[in-house]
N, C-alpha and C. Protein backbone atom coordinates (compact mmCIF):
# COMPACT_ATOMS: atom_id res chain seq x y z
N MET A 1 68.94 -5.11 -16.48
CA MET A 1 69.98 -4.78 -17.42
C MET A 1 69.38 -4.34 -18.74
N SER A 2 68.37 -5.05 -19.21
CA SER A 2 67.72 -4.65 -20.45
C SER A 2 66.21 -4.81 -20.27
N THR A 3 65.49 -4.16 -21.14
CA THR A 3 64.03 -4.19 -21.08
C THR A 3 63.48 -4.81 -22.36
N ILE A 4 62.21 -5.07 -22.35
CA ILE A 4 61.56 -5.57 -23.56
C ILE A 4 61.69 -4.54 -24.67
N GLU A 5 61.59 -3.26 -24.30
CA GLU A 5 61.73 -2.20 -25.29
C GLU A 5 63.13 -2.20 -25.92
N ASP A 6 64.16 -2.46 -25.09
CA ASP A 6 65.53 -2.55 -25.62
C ASP A 6 65.61 -3.64 -26.68
N PHE A 7 65.02 -4.79 -26.38
CA PHE A 7 65.10 -5.90 -27.31
C PHE A 7 64.27 -5.61 -28.57
N LYS A 8 63.11 -4.97 -28.40
CA LYS A 8 62.30 -4.61 -29.58
C LYS A 8 63.08 -3.66 -30.49
N ALA A 9 63.72 -2.65 -29.90
CA ALA A 9 64.51 -1.70 -30.69
C ALA A 9 65.66 -2.43 -31.39
N PHE A 10 66.32 -3.33 -30.69
CA PHE A 10 67.41 -4.12 -31.27
C PHE A 10 66.90 -4.98 -32.42
N SER A 11 65.72 -5.56 -32.26
CA SER A 11 65.17 -6.51 -33.23
C SER A 11 64.64 -5.85 -34.50
N GLU A 12 64.24 -4.61 -34.39
CA GLU A 12 63.59 -3.93 -35.52
C GLU A 12 64.47 -3.93 -36.77
N GLY A 13 63.89 -4.40 -37.86
CA GLY A 13 64.57 -4.39 -39.14
C GLY A 13 65.57 -5.52 -39.37
N ARG A 14 65.76 -6.40 -38.40
CA ARG A 14 66.71 -7.50 -38.57
C ARG A 14 66.02 -8.70 -39.22
N LYS A 15 66.72 -9.35 -40.12
CA LYS A 15 66.17 -10.53 -40.77
C LYS A 15 66.27 -11.76 -39.88
N SER A 16 67.30 -11.80 -39.03
CA SER A 16 67.45 -12.92 -38.10
C SER A 16 67.88 -12.38 -36.74
N LEU A 17 67.55 -13.13 -35.73
CA LEU A 17 67.90 -12.73 -34.37
C LEU A 17 68.75 -13.82 -33.73
N LEU A 18 69.90 -13.41 -33.24
CA LEU A 18 70.77 -14.32 -32.50
C LEU A 18 70.98 -13.74 -31.12
N LEU A 19 70.81 -14.56 -30.11
CA LEU A 19 71.02 -14.10 -28.75
C LEU A 19 72.44 -13.59 -28.58
N GLU A 20 73.40 -14.23 -29.22
CA GLU A 20 74.80 -13.82 -29.13
C GLU A 20 74.98 -12.36 -29.54
N THR A 21 74.30 -11.92 -30.60
CA THR A 21 74.42 -10.54 -31.07
C THR A 21 73.86 -9.56 -30.04
N PHE A 22 72.71 -9.91 -29.46
CA PHE A 22 72.11 -9.06 -28.44
C PHE A 22 73.00 -9.03 -27.19
N TYR A 23 73.54 -10.16 -26.83
CA TYR A 23 74.42 -10.29 -25.68
C TYR A 23 75.64 -9.36 -25.84
N ARG A 24 76.23 -9.35 -27.01
CA ARG A 24 77.38 -8.48 -27.25
C ARG A 24 76.99 -7.01 -27.16
N LYS A 25 75.82 -6.67 -27.68
CA LYS A 25 75.34 -5.29 -27.61
C LYS A 25 75.17 -4.87 -26.14
N MET A 26 74.59 -5.73 -25.33
CA MET A 26 74.40 -5.40 -23.92
C MET A 26 75.75 -5.21 -23.21
N ARG A 27 76.71 -6.05 -23.54
CA ARG A 27 78.03 -5.90 -22.94
C ARG A 27 78.65 -4.57 -23.32
N ARG A 28 78.51 -4.19 -24.59
CA ARG A 28 79.06 -2.90 -25.03
C ARG A 28 78.31 -1.74 -24.36
N ASP A 29 76.99 -1.80 -24.41
CA ASP A 29 76.17 -0.70 -23.86
C ASP A 29 76.42 -0.48 -22.37
N HIS A 30 76.65 -1.55 -21.63
CA HIS A 30 76.79 -1.45 -20.18
C HIS A 30 78.24 -1.62 -19.71
N ASP A 31 79.17 -1.68 -20.67
CA ASP A 31 80.60 -1.79 -20.36
C ASP A 31 80.88 -2.95 -19.40
N ILE A 32 80.36 -4.12 -19.75
CA ILE A 32 80.55 -5.31 -18.92
C ILE A 32 81.66 -6.16 -19.51
N LEU A 33 82.71 -6.37 -18.73
CA LEU A 33 83.87 -7.15 -19.15
C LEU A 33 84.39 -6.68 -20.51
N MET A 34 84.52 -5.35 -20.63
CA MET A 34 85.02 -4.75 -21.86
C MET A 34 86.32 -4.01 -21.57
N LYS A 35 87.18 -4.00 -22.56
CA LYS A 35 88.40 -3.20 -22.51
C LYS A 35 88.36 -2.33 -23.75
N GLY A 36 87.83 -1.11 -23.57
CA GLY A 36 87.58 -0.25 -24.72
C GLY A 36 86.41 -0.81 -25.49
N THR A 37 86.62 -1.11 -26.77
CA THR A 37 85.55 -1.69 -27.60
C THR A 37 85.66 -3.20 -27.73
N ASP A 38 86.68 -3.78 -27.09
CA ASP A 38 86.91 -5.21 -27.20
C ASP A 38 86.58 -5.93 -25.89
N PRO A 39 86.21 -7.20 -25.99
CA PRO A 39 85.96 -7.95 -24.76
C PRO A 39 87.25 -8.21 -24.00
N VAL A 40 87.16 -8.20 -22.68
CA VAL A 40 88.32 -8.51 -21.85
C VAL A 40 88.79 -9.93 -22.20
N GLY A 41 90.06 -10.11 -22.36
CA GLY A 41 90.60 -11.42 -22.71
C GLY A 41 90.55 -11.73 -24.19
N GLY A 42 89.95 -10.81 -24.99
CA GLY A 42 89.94 -10.98 -26.44
C GLY A 42 88.87 -11.91 -26.99
N LYS A 43 88.05 -12.50 -26.13
CA LYS A 43 87.01 -13.41 -26.60
C LYS A 43 85.67 -12.97 -26.02
N TRP A 44 84.60 -13.10 -26.81
CA TRP A 44 83.27 -12.74 -26.34
C TRP A 44 82.70 -13.78 -25.39
N ASN A 45 83.02 -15.02 -25.60
CA ASN A 45 82.53 -16.07 -24.71
C ASN A 45 83.48 -17.26 -24.78
N PHE A 46 83.20 -18.21 -23.93
CA PHE A 46 84.03 -19.41 -23.86
C PHE A 46 83.19 -20.66 -24.12
N ASP A 47 82.16 -20.49 -24.94
CA ASP A 47 81.25 -21.60 -25.22
C ASP A 47 81.99 -22.83 -25.74
N LYS A 48 82.91 -22.64 -26.69
CA LYS A 48 83.63 -23.79 -27.25
C LYS A 48 84.47 -24.49 -26.19
N ASP A 49 85.04 -23.69 -25.28
CA ASP A 49 85.85 -24.26 -24.20
C ASP A 49 85.01 -25.06 -23.22
N ASN A 50 83.74 -24.72 -23.13
CA ASN A 50 82.85 -25.35 -22.14
C ASN A 50 82.03 -26.50 -22.70
N ARG A 51 82.32 -26.93 -23.91
CA ARG A 51 81.55 -28.00 -24.54
C ARG A 51 82.30 -29.32 -24.52
N GLY A 52 82.68 -29.74 -23.35
CA GLY A 52 83.37 -31.02 -23.23
C GLY A 52 82.41 -32.18 -23.36
N ASP A 53 82.96 -33.35 -23.56
CA ASP A 53 82.17 -34.56 -23.70
C ASP A 53 82.22 -35.33 -22.39
N PHE A 54 81.06 -35.80 -21.93
CA PHE A 54 81.01 -36.58 -20.70
C PHE A 54 81.38 -38.04 -20.94
N GLY A 55 81.48 -38.43 -22.21
CA GLY A 55 81.80 -39.81 -22.51
C GLY A 55 80.56 -40.70 -22.43
N LYS A 56 80.77 -41.99 -22.52
CA LYS A 56 79.66 -42.94 -22.55
C LYS A 56 78.89 -43.00 -21.24
N LYS A 57 79.54 -42.67 -20.15
CA LYS A 57 78.87 -42.73 -18.85
C LYS A 57 77.92 -41.56 -18.62
N GLY A 58 78.07 -40.51 -19.41
CA GLY A 58 77.23 -39.33 -19.22
C GLY A 58 77.76 -38.45 -18.10
N PRO A 59 77.01 -37.41 -17.74
CA PRO A 59 77.48 -36.51 -16.70
C PRO A 59 77.52 -37.20 -15.34
N PRO A 60 78.41 -36.75 -14.47
CA PRO A 60 78.49 -37.38 -13.15
C PRO A 60 77.25 -37.07 -12.32
N LYS A 61 76.93 -37.96 -11.42
CA LYS A 61 75.80 -37.74 -10.51
C LYS A 61 76.19 -36.69 -9.48
N ILE A 62 75.27 -35.79 -9.21
CA ILE A 62 75.49 -34.82 -8.15
C ILE A 62 74.34 -34.93 -7.16
N LYS A 63 74.61 -34.60 -5.93
CA LYS A 63 73.57 -34.71 -4.92
C LYS A 63 72.52 -33.62 -5.15
N PRO A 64 71.30 -33.84 -4.67
CA PRO A 64 70.24 -32.84 -4.85
C PRO A 64 70.63 -31.52 -4.18
N PRO A 65 70.02 -30.41 -4.63
CA PRO A 65 70.33 -29.12 -4.02
C PRO A 65 70.03 -29.12 -2.53
N ARG A 66 70.76 -28.32 -1.80
CA ARG A 66 70.58 -28.18 -0.36
C ARG A 66 69.18 -27.64 -0.08
N SER A 67 68.52 -28.20 0.90
CA SER A 67 67.20 -27.69 1.31
C SER A 67 67.23 -27.41 2.80
N PHE A 68 66.31 -26.58 3.25
CA PHE A 68 66.27 -26.16 4.64
C PHE A 68 64.83 -26.26 5.15
N GLN A 69 64.68 -26.82 6.33
CA GLN A 69 63.36 -26.87 6.96
C GLN A 69 62.96 -25.46 7.37
N PRO A 70 61.74 -25.04 7.03
CA PRO A 70 61.31 -23.70 7.44
C PRO A 70 61.26 -23.57 8.97
N ASP A 71 61.86 -22.52 9.49
CA ASP A 71 61.79 -22.26 10.93
C ASP A 71 60.43 -21.60 11.24
N ARG A 72 60.21 -21.27 12.49
CA ARG A 72 58.91 -20.71 12.90
C ARG A 72 58.60 -19.41 12.16
N THR A 73 59.59 -18.54 12.05
CA THR A 73 59.37 -17.27 11.35
C THR A 73 58.97 -17.52 9.90
N THR A 74 59.67 -18.42 9.23
CA THR A 74 59.36 -18.74 7.84
C THR A 74 57.97 -19.34 7.72
N GLN A 75 57.60 -20.24 8.63
CA GLN A 75 56.26 -20.82 8.62
C GLN A 75 55.20 -19.72 8.80
N ASP A 76 55.47 -18.76 9.67
CA ASP A 76 54.52 -17.65 9.88
C ASP A 76 54.40 -16.79 8.62
N VAL A 77 55.52 -16.55 7.95
CA VAL A 77 55.48 -15.75 6.71
C VAL A 77 54.73 -16.51 5.62
N ILE A 78 54.93 -17.81 5.54
CA ILE A 78 54.21 -18.63 4.55
C ILE A 78 52.70 -18.52 4.80
N LYS A 79 52.29 -18.61 6.05
CA LYS A 79 50.86 -18.47 6.39
C LYS A 79 50.35 -17.09 6.00
N LEU A 80 51.14 -16.05 6.29
CA LEU A 80 50.75 -14.69 5.94
C LEU A 80 50.59 -14.54 4.42
N VAL A 81 51.53 -15.05 3.66
CA VAL A 81 51.46 -14.96 2.19
C VAL A 81 50.25 -15.72 1.68
N ASP A 82 50.01 -16.92 2.20
CA ASP A 82 48.83 -17.69 1.79
C ASP A 82 47.54 -16.93 2.08
N ARG A 83 47.50 -16.29 3.25
CA ARG A 83 46.29 -15.56 3.65
C ARG A 83 46.11 -14.27 2.85
N GLU A 84 47.18 -13.49 2.68
CA GLU A 84 47.09 -12.17 2.05
C GLU A 84 47.13 -12.21 0.52
N PHE A 85 47.70 -13.26 -0.03
CA PHE A 85 47.85 -13.35 -1.49
C PHE A 85 47.39 -14.72 -1.99
N PRO A 86 46.14 -15.06 -1.76
CA PRO A 86 45.68 -16.41 -2.10
C PRO A 86 45.69 -16.71 -3.60
N ASP A 87 45.62 -15.68 -4.44
CA ASP A 87 45.58 -15.90 -5.88
C ASP A 87 46.93 -15.75 -6.57
N SER A 88 47.99 -15.57 -5.80
CA SER A 88 49.30 -15.38 -6.41
C SER A 88 49.79 -16.70 -7.01
N PRO A 89 50.60 -16.61 -8.07
CA PRO A 89 51.10 -17.86 -8.67
C PRO A 89 52.12 -18.53 -7.76
N GLY A 90 52.26 -19.80 -7.92
CA GLY A 90 53.23 -20.56 -7.15
C GLY A 90 52.64 -21.16 -5.89
N ARG A 91 53.38 -22.06 -5.30
CA ARG A 91 52.94 -22.74 -4.09
C ARG A 91 54.07 -22.70 -3.06
N LEU A 92 53.67 -22.68 -1.80
CA LEU A 92 54.66 -22.59 -0.74
C LEU A 92 54.72 -23.82 0.14
N GLU A 93 53.89 -24.82 -0.12
CA GLU A 93 53.86 -25.98 0.80
C GLU A 93 55.18 -26.74 0.84
N ASN A 94 55.98 -26.65 -0.21
CA ASN A 94 57.28 -27.34 -0.21
C ASN A 94 58.45 -26.36 -0.14
N PHE A 95 58.21 -25.19 0.43
CA PHE A 95 59.25 -24.17 0.52
C PHE A 95 60.42 -24.70 1.35
N ASP A 96 61.61 -24.69 0.74
CA ASP A 96 62.78 -25.20 1.44
C ASP A 96 64.05 -24.40 1.13
N TYR A 97 63.87 -23.13 0.79
CA TYR A 97 65.00 -22.28 0.44
C TYR A 97 65.69 -21.72 1.69
N SER A 98 66.91 -21.24 1.49
CA SER A 98 67.63 -20.60 2.59
C SER A 98 66.97 -19.26 2.90
N VAL A 99 66.87 -18.94 4.19
CA VAL A 99 66.26 -17.68 4.59
C VAL A 99 67.13 -16.91 5.58
N THR A 100 68.20 -17.51 6.05
CA THR A 100 69.10 -16.82 6.96
C THR A 100 70.46 -16.67 6.31
N HIS A 101 71.26 -15.80 6.87
CA HIS A 101 72.61 -15.58 6.36
C HIS A 101 73.41 -16.88 6.38
N GLU A 102 73.33 -17.61 7.49
CA GLU A 102 74.08 -18.85 7.62
C GLU A 102 73.62 -19.88 6.58
N GLN A 103 72.31 -19.98 6.38
CA GLN A 103 71.79 -20.93 5.39
C GLN A 103 72.23 -20.54 3.99
N ALA A 104 72.20 -19.23 3.68
CA ALA A 104 72.61 -18.78 2.35
C ALA A 104 74.08 -19.11 2.10
N LEU A 105 74.91 -18.95 3.11
CA LEU A 105 76.33 -19.29 2.95
C LEU A 105 76.52 -20.80 2.78
N ALA A 106 75.74 -21.60 3.51
CA ALA A 106 75.82 -23.06 3.36
C ALA A 106 75.40 -23.46 1.95
N ALA A 107 74.32 -22.83 1.44
CA ALA A 107 73.87 -23.13 0.08
C ALA A 107 74.91 -22.69 -0.94
N LEU A 108 75.54 -21.55 -0.70
CA LEU A 108 76.60 -21.08 -1.60
C LEU A 108 77.75 -22.07 -1.65
N ARG A 109 78.20 -22.53 -0.48
CA ARG A 109 79.31 -23.47 -0.44
C ARG A 109 79.00 -24.74 -1.24
N GLU A 110 77.79 -25.26 -1.06
CA GLU A 110 77.42 -26.48 -1.81
C GLU A 110 77.30 -26.19 -3.30
N PHE A 111 76.77 -25.02 -3.65
CA PHE A 111 76.66 -24.66 -5.07
C PHE A 111 78.04 -24.61 -5.71
N VAL A 112 78.97 -23.96 -5.05
CA VAL A 112 80.33 -23.85 -5.58
C VAL A 112 80.97 -25.22 -5.69
N LYS A 113 80.79 -26.04 -4.67
CA LYS A 113 81.45 -27.35 -4.65
C LYS A 113 80.87 -28.32 -5.68
N TYR A 114 79.55 -28.35 -5.83
CA TYR A 114 78.92 -29.39 -6.64
C TYR A 114 78.31 -28.94 -7.97
N ARG A 115 78.06 -27.63 -8.14
CA ARG A 115 77.29 -27.23 -9.31
C ARG A 115 77.95 -26.19 -10.21
N LEU A 116 78.90 -25.46 -9.73
CA LEU A 116 79.45 -24.36 -10.51
C LEU A 116 80.18 -24.86 -11.76
N GLY A 117 80.86 -25.96 -11.65
CA GLY A 117 81.52 -26.51 -12.82
C GLY A 117 83.02 -26.33 -12.81
N PHE A 118 83.51 -25.29 -12.17
CA PHE A 118 84.95 -25.13 -12.04
C PHE A 118 85.23 -24.19 -10.88
N PRO A 119 86.27 -24.49 -10.10
CA PRO A 119 86.66 -23.55 -9.05
C PRO A 119 87.49 -22.43 -9.66
N PRO A 120 87.54 -21.26 -9.03
CA PRO A 120 88.26 -20.14 -9.62
C PRO A 120 89.73 -20.41 -9.85
N GLN A 121 90.36 -21.26 -9.05
CA GLN A 121 91.79 -21.51 -9.25
C GLN A 121 92.05 -22.27 -10.54
N ARG A 122 91.03 -22.96 -11.10
CA ARG A 122 91.22 -23.68 -12.36
C ARG A 122 90.96 -22.78 -13.55
N ALA A 123 90.35 -21.63 -13.30
CA ALA A 123 90.03 -20.73 -14.41
C ALA A 123 91.30 -20.03 -14.87
N GLY A 124 91.76 -20.37 -16.03
CA GLY A 124 93.02 -19.84 -16.51
C GLY A 124 92.92 -18.45 -17.09
N ASN A 125 91.71 -17.99 -17.38
CA ASN A 125 91.54 -16.71 -18.04
C ASN A 125 91.10 -15.66 -17.03
N GLU A 126 91.67 -14.48 -17.10
CA GLU A 126 91.34 -13.40 -16.16
C GLU A 126 89.86 -13.02 -16.22
N SER A 127 89.26 -13.03 -17.42
CA SER A 127 87.85 -12.64 -17.51
C SER A 127 86.96 -13.67 -16.81
N ILE A 128 87.36 -14.95 -16.83
CA ILE A 128 86.59 -15.97 -16.11
C ILE A 128 86.71 -15.71 -14.61
N ARG A 129 87.91 -15.37 -14.16
CA ARG A 129 88.07 -15.05 -12.73
C ARG A 129 87.18 -13.88 -12.34
N ARG A 130 87.12 -12.86 -13.20
CA ARG A 130 86.26 -11.71 -12.90
C ARG A 130 84.80 -12.13 -12.88
N TRP A 131 84.41 -12.99 -13.84
CA TRP A 131 83.04 -13.50 -13.86
C TRP A 131 82.74 -14.20 -12.54
N TRP A 132 83.68 -15.05 -12.12
CA TRP A 132 83.51 -15.77 -10.85
C TRP A 132 83.34 -14.78 -9.71
N ASP A 133 84.19 -13.77 -9.63
CA ASP A 133 84.12 -12.80 -8.54
C ASP A 133 82.77 -12.10 -8.51
N HIS A 134 82.25 -11.73 -9.69
CA HIS A 134 80.94 -11.06 -9.74
C HIS A 134 79.84 -11.99 -9.24
N ARG A 135 79.85 -13.25 -9.68
CA ARG A 135 78.82 -14.19 -9.26
C ARG A 135 78.92 -14.45 -7.76
N HIS A 136 80.13 -14.63 -7.28
CA HIS A 136 80.36 -14.90 -5.87
C HIS A 136 79.85 -13.72 -5.03
N GLN A 137 80.16 -12.50 -5.46
CA GLN A 137 79.70 -11.32 -4.73
C GLN A 137 78.18 -11.23 -4.74
N ALA A 138 77.56 -11.56 -5.86
CA ALA A 138 76.09 -11.50 -5.94
C ALA A 138 75.46 -12.48 -4.95
N VAL A 139 76.01 -13.69 -4.86
CA VAL A 139 75.44 -14.66 -3.93
C VAL A 139 75.68 -14.22 -2.49
N LEU A 140 76.85 -13.64 -2.22
CA LEU A 140 77.10 -13.13 -0.86
C LEU A 140 76.14 -11.99 -0.53
N ARG A 141 75.84 -11.13 -1.51
CA ARG A 141 74.88 -10.05 -1.26
C ARG A 141 73.51 -10.65 -0.97
N TYR A 142 73.16 -11.73 -1.66
CA TYR A 142 71.89 -12.41 -1.38
C TYR A 142 71.88 -12.90 0.07
N GLY A 143 72.99 -13.44 0.52
CA GLY A 143 73.09 -13.89 1.92
C GLY A 143 72.92 -12.73 2.89
N GLN A 144 73.50 -11.58 2.56
CA GLN A 144 73.34 -10.41 3.41
C GLN A 144 71.89 -9.95 3.43
N LEU A 145 71.24 -10.00 2.27
CA LEU A 145 69.83 -9.62 2.18
C LEU A 145 68.98 -10.56 3.03
N CYS A 146 69.28 -11.86 2.99
CA CYS A 146 68.56 -12.82 3.84
C CYS A 146 68.71 -12.44 5.31
N GLN A 147 69.93 -12.06 5.69
CA GLN A 147 70.19 -11.69 7.08
C GLN A 147 69.37 -10.45 7.46
N GLN A 148 69.32 -9.45 6.58
CA GLN A 148 68.54 -8.24 6.86
C GLN A 148 67.06 -8.55 6.94
N ASN A 149 66.57 -9.37 6.01
CA ASN A 149 65.15 -9.74 6.02
C ASN A 149 64.79 -10.54 7.26
N GLU A 150 65.71 -11.39 7.69
CA GLU A 150 65.48 -12.19 8.89
C GLU A 150 65.27 -11.26 10.09
N ARG A 151 66.14 -10.25 10.24
CA ARG A 151 66.01 -9.30 11.35
C ARG A 151 64.68 -8.55 11.25
N LEU A 152 64.32 -8.11 10.03
CA LEU A 152 63.08 -7.37 9.82
C LEU A 152 61.87 -8.22 10.17
N LEU A 153 61.83 -9.46 9.69
CA LEU A 153 60.68 -10.32 9.92
C LEU A 153 60.53 -10.69 11.40
N ARG A 154 61.65 -10.88 12.08
CA ARG A 154 61.56 -11.20 13.51
C ARG A 154 60.96 -10.06 14.30
N GLY A 155 61.10 -8.85 13.81
CA GLY A 155 60.55 -7.69 14.50
C GLY A 155 59.09 -7.40 14.16
N LEU A 156 58.51 -8.14 13.21
CA LEU A 156 57.13 -7.87 12.78
C LEU A 156 56.06 -8.46 13.69
N HIS A 157 56.38 -9.46 14.48
CA HIS A 157 55.42 -10.14 15.35
C HIS A 157 54.21 -10.61 14.55
N ILE A 158 54.47 -11.44 13.58
CA ILE A 158 53.41 -11.92 12.68
C ILE A 158 52.49 -12.87 13.44
């Protein structure tokens, strides 16, 4: 969406930098959730609405993120990556991410249920519903990508 050069150009000559100002510029430049020159719904963000108090008990406990045991194909890819890219950053010994379409959808369901913070039916503002739809579509596209990669990797005979 933006580059380091975009931010450098934005920053030049400013006495102070606020992420909010850059965020608004990006929304205008890329016509994201805009109605003409104004934000959809009349507000730039809902930060104040999202700053509730958890009370003395603190935030509720949520279960750990969903994890998946690597299948044979994933184990073979991990070995290939370790062999071909031994100096790359990161480690794969505890790899437990979704790699199939079904796993991605299961992870999505748990994310929506336990981590998103609000279901779309509780979102009273149309721009929040649109935000939800965009995020939901992005995660579904990720699931489709997992499915395509799964087919590709199975055909590689690693």
